[in-house]
Amino acid sequence: MTDHLPIFMNINIGPLQDLHQINKVANRYLYNDENFKKFQNYIRNESWSALTSNHINLITPDEAYNTFINKFRTNFDKSFISTPKIGTPRALKKCQPWLSFSIIKACRKKSRLLKIYKKLKR
Protein backbone atom coordinates (compact mmCIF):
# COMPACT_ATOMS: atom_id res chain seq x y z
CA MET A 1 0.00 0.00 0.00
CA THR A 2 1.16 3.48 -0.78
CA ASP A 3 -0.20 6.95 -0.24
CA HIS A 4 0.67 8.01 -3.80
CA LEU A 5 -2.38 8.13 -6.00
CA PRO A 6 -1.96 7.73 -9.74
CA ILE A 7 -2.00 10.82 -11.92
CA PHE A 8 -3.39 10.31 -15.37
CA MET A 9 -3.93 12.61 -18.31
CA ASN A 10 -6.00 11.64 -21.30
CA ILE A 11 -5.66 13.88 -24.34
CA ASN A 12 -8.25 13.10 -26.97
CA ILE A 13 -7.24 14.62 -30.28
CA GLY A 14 -10.39 13.42 -32.08
CA PRO A 15 -13.57 15.45 -32.49
CA LEU A 16 -15.02 16.98 -29.34
CA GLN A 17 -17.67 14.94 -27.61
CA ASP A 18 -20.72 16.22 -25.85
CA LEU A 19 -20.11 16.48 -22.08
CA HIS A 20 -23.31 14.54 -21.41
CA GLN A 21 -21.95 11.63 -23.44
CA ILE A 22 -18.68 11.55 -21.48
CA ASN A 23 -20.33 11.39 -18.05
CA LYS A 24 -23.12 9.08 -19.13
CA VAL A 25 -23.23 5.83 -17.18
CA ALA A 26 -23.99 2.68 -19.13
CA ASN A 27 -27.25 0.99 -18.25
CA ARG A 28 -27.47 -2.69 -17.61
CA TYR A 29 -30.36 -5.13 -17.63
CA LEU A 30 -31.53 -6.66 -14.36
CA TYR A 31 -33.48 -9.89 -14.84
CA ASN A 32 -35.51 -11.00 -11.83
CA ASP A 33 -39.05 -12.21 -11.11
CA GLU A 34 -40.32 -8.75 -10.21
CA ASN A 35 -39.08 -7.26 -13.50
CA PHE A 36 -40.52 -10.18 -15.50
CA LYS A 37 -43.94 -9.56 -13.93
CA LYS A 38 -43.59 -5.85 -14.66
CA PHE A 39 -42.75 -6.68 -18.30
CA GLN A 40 -45.74 -9.01 -18.61
CA ASN A 41 -48.04 -6.29 -17.29
CA TYR A 42 -46.63 -3.70 -19.69
CA ILE A 43 -47.07 -6.06 -22.66
CA ARG A 44 -50.58 -7.05 -21.55
CA ASN A 45 -51.64 -3.40 -21.20
CA GLU A 46 -49.98 -2.20 -24.41
CA SER A 47 -52.28 -1.07 -27.20
CA TRP A 48 -51.63 -3.38 -30.14
CA SER A 49 -54.34 -1.81 -32.32
CA ALA A 50 -51.73 -0.71 -34.87
CA LEU A 51 -50.97 -4.39 -35.53
CA THR A 52 -54.49 -5.74 -36.07
CA SER A 53 -55.18 -7.62 -39.30
CA ASN A 54 -57.13 -4.68 -40.79
CA HIS A 55 -54.29 -2.23 -40.19
CA ILE A 56 -51.46 -4.60 -41.14
CA ASN A 57 -52.86 -4.95 -44.65
CA LEU A 58 -52.41 -1.20 -45.15
CA ILE A 59 -48.72 -1.01 -44.15
CA THR A 60 -45.53 -2.65 -45.37
CA PRO A 61 -43.93 -5.54 -43.51
CA ASP A 62 -41.04 -3.24 -42.51
CA GLU A 63 -43.43 -0.72 -40.97
CA ALA A 64 -45.29 -3.49 -39.13
CA TYR A 65 -42.03 -4.91 -37.78
CA ASN A 66 -40.76 -1.47 -36.73
CA THR A 67 -44.04 -0.73 -34.95
CA PHE A 68 -43.88 -4.05 -33.10
CA ILE A 69 -40.19 -3.84 -32.18
CA ASN A 70 -40.51 -0.23 -30.96
CA LYS A 71 -43.41 -1.12 -28.66
CA PHE A 72 -41.66 -4.28 -27.46
CA ARG A 73 -38.28 -2.54 -26.88
CA THR A 74 -39.88 0.38 -25.02
CA ASN A 75 -41.67 -1.96 -22.63
CA PHE A 76 -38.62 -4.19 -22.29
CA ASP A 77 -36.38 -1.25 -21.39
CA LYS A 78 -38.94 0.17 -18.93
CA SER A 79 -39.04 -3.22 -17.20
CA PHE A 80 -35.45 -4.42 -17.14
CA ILE A 81 -33.03 -1.48 -17.38
CA SER A 82 -31.20 -0.77 -14.14
CA THR A 83 -28.94 2.29 -13.93
CA PRO A 84 -25.96 1.84 -11.59
CA LYS A 85 -25.74 4.28 -8.72
CA ILE A 86 -23.17 7.04 -9.12
CA GLY A 87 -20.97 5.75 -6.28
CA THR A 88 -20.69 2.18 -7.55
CA PRO A 89 -17.44 0.91 -9.10
CA ARG A 90 -19.22 0.36 -12.43
CA ALA A 91 -20.33 3.99 -12.53
CA LEU A 92 -16.90 5.26 -11.47
CA LYS A 93 -15.21 3.19 -14.13
CA LYS A 94 -17.34 4.80 -16.83
CA CYS A 95 -16.69 8.32 -15.54
CA GLN A 96 -12.99 7.81 -14.86
CA PRO A 97 -11.55 5.32 -17.35
CA TRP A 98 -8.12 5.18 -15.69
CA LEU A 99 -9.60 3.63 -12.54
CA SER A 100 -9.82 -0.10 -12.92
CA PHE A 101 -11.94 -2.09 -10.52
CA SER A 102 -8.75 -3.33 -8.80
CA ILE A 103 -7.54 0.22 -8.15
CA ILE A 104 -10.94 1.19 -6.76
CA LYS A 105 -10.81 -1.83 -4.43
CA ALA A 106 -7.29 -0.90 -3.33
CA CYS A 107 -8.34 2.71 -2.61
CA ARG A 108 -11.25 1.51 -0.52
CA LYS A 109 -9.05 -0.93 1.39
CA LYS A 110 -6.51 1.80 2.06
CA SER A 111 -9.27 4.09 3.34
CA ARG A 112 -10.61 1.38 5.63
CA LEU A 113 -7.13 0.65 7.00
CA LEU A 114 -6.48 4.35 7.58
CA LYS A 115 -9.77 4.64 9.46
CA ILE A 116 -8.87 1.66 11.67
CA TYR A 117 -5.38 3.08 12.25
CA LYS A 118 -6.77 6.44 13.33
CA LYS A 119 -9.25 4.75 15.70
CA LEU A 120 -6.62 2.59 17.38
CA LYS A 121 -3.95 5.27 17.62
CA ARG A 122 -6.02 7.58 19.82
C-alpha atoms as a PDB file:
ATOM      1  CA  MET A   1       0.000   0.000   0.000  1.00  0.00           C
ATOM      2  CA  THR A   2       1.163   3.484  -0.781  1.00  0.00           C
ATOM      3  CA  ASP A   3      -0.196   6.953  -0.242  1.00  0.00           C
ATOM      4  CA  HIS A   4       0.673   8.015  -3.801  1.00  0.00           C
ATOM      5  CA  LEU A   5      -2.384   8.130  -5.998  1.00  0.00           C
ATOM      6  CA  PRO A   6      -1.960   7.728  -9.744  1.00  0.00           C
ATOM      7  CA  ILE A   7      -2.002  10.820 -11.917  1.00  0.00           C
ATOM      8  CA  PHE A   8      -3.394  10.313 -15.366  1.00  0.00           C
ATOM      9  CA  MET A   9      -3.929  12.612 -18.307  1.00  0.00           C
ATOM     10  CA  ASN A  10      -6.004  11.643 -21.300  1.00  0.00           C
ATOM     11  CA  ILE A  11      -5.662  13.879 -24.341  1.00  0.00           C
ATOM     12  CA  ASN A  12      -8.252  13.100 -26.966  1.00  0.00           C
ATOM     13  CA  ILE A  13      -7.241  14.617 -30.283  1.00  0.00           C
ATOM     14  CA  GLY A  14     -10.390  13.422 -32.082  1.00  0.00           C
ATOM     15  CA  PRO A  15     -13.572  15.449 -32.489  1.00  0.00           C
ATOM     16  CA  LEU A  16     -15.023  16.985 -29.337  1.00  0.00           C
ATOM     17  CA  GLN A  17     -17.668  14.937 -27.611  1.00  0.00           C
ATOM     18  CA  ASP A  18     -20.721  16.217 -25.849  1.00  0.00           C
ATOM     19  CA  LEU A  19     -20.111  16.481 -22.079  1.00  0.00           C
ATOM     20  CA  HIS A  20     -23.312  14.544 -21.412  1.00  0.00           C
ATOM     21  CA  GLN A  21     -21.950  11.634 -23.440  1.00  0.00           C
ATOM     22  CA  ILE A  22     -18.680  11.555 -21.476  1.00  0.00           C
ATOM     23  CA  ASN A  23     -20.328  11.392 -18.053  1.00  0.00           C
ATOM     24  CA  LYS A  24     -23.122   9.084 -19.133  1.00  0.00           C
ATOM     25  CA  VAL A  25     -23.234   5.828 -17.181  1.00  0.00           C
ATOM     26  CA  ALA A  26     -23.992   2.680 -19.130  1.00  0.00           C
ATOM     27  CA  ASN A  27     -27.247   0.987 -18.249  1.00  0.00           C
ATOM     28  CA  ARG A  28     -27.472  -2.694 -17.612  1.00  0.00           C
ATOM     29  CA  TYR A  29     -30.363  -5.133 -17.626  1.00  0.00           C
ATOM     30  CA  LEU A  30     -31.528  -6.660 -14.355  1.00  0.00           C
ATOM     31  CA  TYR A  31     -33.484  -9.894 -14.845  1.00  0.00           C
ATOM     32  CA  ASN A  32     -35.507 -10.996 -11.832  1.00  0.00           C
ATOM     33  CA  ASP A  33     -39.047 -12.205 -11.115  1.00  0.00           C
ATOM     34  CA  GLU A  34     -40.318  -8.746 -10.210  1.00  0.00           C
ATOM     35  CA  ASN A  35     -39.085  -7.259 -13.495  1.00  0.00           C
ATOM     36  CA  PHE A  36     -40.516 -10.182 -15.502  1.00  0.00           C
ATOM     37  CA  LYS A  37     -43.935  -9.564 -13.928  1.00  0.00           C
ATOM     38  CA  LYS A  38     -43.591  -5.853 -14.663  1.00  0.00           C
ATOM     39  CA  PHE A  39     -42.749  -6.676 -18.300  1.00  0.00           C
ATOM     40  CA  GLN A  40     -45.737  -9.013 -18.613  1.00  0.00           C
ATOM     41  CA  ASN A  41     -48.041  -6.292 -17.287  1.00  0.00           C
ATOM     42  CA  TYR A  42     -46.635  -3.696 -19.692  1.00  0.00           C
ATOM     43  CA  ILE A  43     -47.070  -6.062 -22.656  1.00  0.00           C
ATOM     44  CA  ARG A  44     -50.578  -7.046 -21.551  1.00  0.00           C
ATOM     45  CA  ASN A  45     -51.636  -3.397 -21.196  1.00  0.00           C
ATOM     46  CA  GLU A  46     -49.984  -2.196 -24.414  1.00  0.00           C
ATOM     47  CA  SER A  47     -52.283  -1.066 -27.198  1.00  0.00           C
ATOM     48  CA  TRP A  48     -51.627  -3.380 -30.140  1.00  0.00           C
ATOM     49  CA  SER A  49     -54.341  -1.815 -32.321  1.00  0.00           C
ATOM     50  CA  ALA A  50     -51.733  -0.709 -34.871  1.00  0.00           C
ATOM     51  CA  LEU A  51     -50.965  -4.389 -35.531  1.00  0.00           C
ATOM     52  CA  THR A  52     -54.485  -5.739 -36.073  1.00  0.00           C
ATOM     53  CA  SER A  53     -55.177  -7.625 -39.297  1.00  0.00           C
ATOM     54  CA  ASN A  54     -57.127  -4.681 -40.787  1.00  0.00           C
ATOM     55  CA  HIS A  55     -54.288  -2.227 -40.191  1.00  0.00           C
ATOM     56  CA  ILE A  56     -51.459  -4.604 -41.138  1.00  0.00           C
ATOM     57  CA  ASN A  57     -52.855  -4.951 -44.653  1.00  0.00           C
ATOM     58  CA  LEU A  58     -52.409  -1.203 -45.146  1.00  0.00           C
ATOM     59  CA  ILE A  59     -48.720  -1.006 -44.149  1.00  0.00           C
ATOM     60  CA  THR A  60     -45.527  -2.645 -45.367  1.00  0.00           C
ATOM     61  CA  PRO A  61     -43.928  -5.544 -43.506  1.00  0.00           C
ATOM     62  CA  ASP A  62     -41.044  -3.242 -42.510  1.00  0.00           C
ATOM     63  CA  GLU A  63     -43.431  -0.716 -40.970  1.00  0.00           C
ATOM     64  CA  ALA A  64     -45.290  -3.490 -39.129  1.00  0.00           C
ATOM     65  CA  TYR A  65     -42.030  -4.907 -37.784  1.00  0.00           C
ATOM     66  CA  ASN A  66     -40.758  -1.471 -36.735  1.00  0.00           C
ATOM     67  CA  THR A  67     -44.038  -0.734 -34.945  1.00  0.00           C
ATOM     68  CA  PHE A  68     -43.878  -4.054 -33.099  1.00  0.00           C
ATOM     69  CA  ILE A  69     -40.192  -3.835 -32.175  1.00  0.00           C
ATOM     70  CA  ASN A  70     -40.510  -0.226 -30.961  1.00  0.00           C
ATOM     71  CA  LYS A  71     -43.409  -1.120 -28.656  1.00  0.00           C
ATOM     72  CA  PHE A  72     -41.656  -4.277 -27.460  1.00  0.00           C
ATOM     73  CA  ARG A  73     -38.284  -2.542 -26.878  1.00  0.00           C
ATOM     74  CA  THR A  74     -39.881   0.380 -25.019  1.00  0.00           C
ATOM     75  CA  ASN A  75     -41.675  -1.961 -22.635  1.00  0.00           C
ATOM     76  CA  PHE A  76     -38.616  -4.190 -22.295  1.00  0.00           C
ATOM     77  CA  ASP A  77     -36.384  -1.247 -21.387  1.00  0.00           C
ATOM     78  CA  LYS A  78     -38.945   0.174 -18.930  1.00  0.00           C
ATOM     79  CA  SER A  79     -39.035  -3.221 -17.204  1.00  0.00           C
ATOM     80  CA  PHE A  80     -35.452  -4.421 -17.138  1.00  0.00           C
ATOM     81  CA  ILE A  81     -33.028  -1.478 -17.378  1.00  0.00           C
ATOM     82  CA  SER A  82     -31.196  -0.769 -14.144  1.00  0.00           C
ATOM     83  CA  THR A  83     -28.943   2.291 -13.925  1.00  0.00           C
ATOM     84  CA  PRO A  84     -25.963   1.839 -11.594  1.00  0.00           C
ATOM     85  CA  LYS A  85     -25.744   4.278  -8.716  1.00  0.00           C
ATOM     86  CA  ILE A  86     -23.166   7.042  -9.123  1.00  0.00           C
ATOM     87  CA  GLY A  87     -20.972   5.745  -6.275  1.00  0.00           C
ATOM     88  CA  THR A  88     -20.686   2.178  -7.551  1.00  0.00           C
ATOM     89  CA  PRO A  89     -17.441   0.911  -9.101  1.00  0.00           C
ATOM     90  CA  ARG A  90     -19.219   0.361 -12.428  1.00  0.00           C
ATOM     91  CA  ALA A  91     -20.330   3.991 -12.526  1.00  0.00           C
ATOM     92  CA  LEU A  92     -16.901   5.258 -11.469  1.00  0.00           C
ATOM     93  CA  LYS A  93     -15.210   3.193 -14.130  1.00  0.00           C
ATOM     94  CA  LYS A  94     -17.340   4.795 -16.830  1.00  0.00           C
ATOM     95  CA  CYS A  95     -16.691   8.315 -15.544  1.00  0.00           C
ATOM     96  CA  GLN A  96     -12.986   7.813 -14.863  1.00  0.00           C
ATOM     97  CA  PRO A  97     -11.548   5.319 -17.352  1.00  0.00           C
ATOM     98  CA  TRP A  98      -8.118   5.178 -15.691  1.00  0.00           C
ATOM     99  CA  LEU A  99      -9.605   3.629 -12.537  1.00  0.00           C
ATOM    100  CA  SER A 100      -9.822  -0.097 -12.915  1.00  0.00           C
ATOM    101  CA  PHE A 101     -11.942  -2.094 -10.516  1.00  0.00           C
ATOM    102  CA  SER A 102      -8.746  -3.326  -8.798  1.00  0.00           C
ATOM    103  CA  ILE A 103      -7.538   0.224  -8.155  1.00  0.00           C
ATOM    104  CA  ILE A 104     -10.944   1.186  -6.757  1.00  0.00           C
ATOM    105  CA  LYS A 105     -10.811  -1.832  -4.427  1.00  0.00           C
ATOM    106  CA  ALA A 106      -7.291  -0.896  -3.331  1.00  0.00           C
ATOM    107  CA  CYS A 107      -8.338   2.708  -2.614  1.00  0.00           C
ATOM    108  CA  ARG A 108     -11.247   1.507  -0.517  1.00  0.00           C
ATOM    109  CA  LYS A 109      -9.050  -0.935   1.387  1.00  0.00           C
ATOM    110  CA  LYS A 110      -6.512   1.803   2.064  1.00  0.00           C
ATOM    111  CA  SER A 111      -9.273   4.094   3.337  1.00  0.00           C
ATOM    112  CA  ARG A 112     -10.609   1.378   5.633  1.00  0.00           C
ATOM    113  CA  LEU A 113      -7.130   0.648   7.003  1.00  0.00           C
ATOM    114  CA  LEU A 114      -6.484   4.353   7.581  1.00  0.00           C
ATOM    115  CA  LYS A 115      -9.774   4.641   9.455  1.00  0.00           C
ATOM    116  CA  ILE A 116      -8.866   1.664  11.669  1.00  0.00           C
ATOM    117  CA  TYR A 117      -5.384   3.078  12.252  1.00  0.00           C
ATOM    118  CA  LYS A 118      -6.770   6.444  13.329  1.00  0.00           C
ATOM    119  CA  LYS A 119      -9.251   4.753  15.700  1.00  0.00           C
ATOM    120  CA  LEU A 120      -6.616   2.591  17.380  1.00  0.00           C
ATOM    121  CA  LYS A 121      -3.949   5.273  17.623  1.00  0.00           C
ATOM    122  CA  ARG A 122      -6.025   7.582  19.821  1.00  0.00           C
END
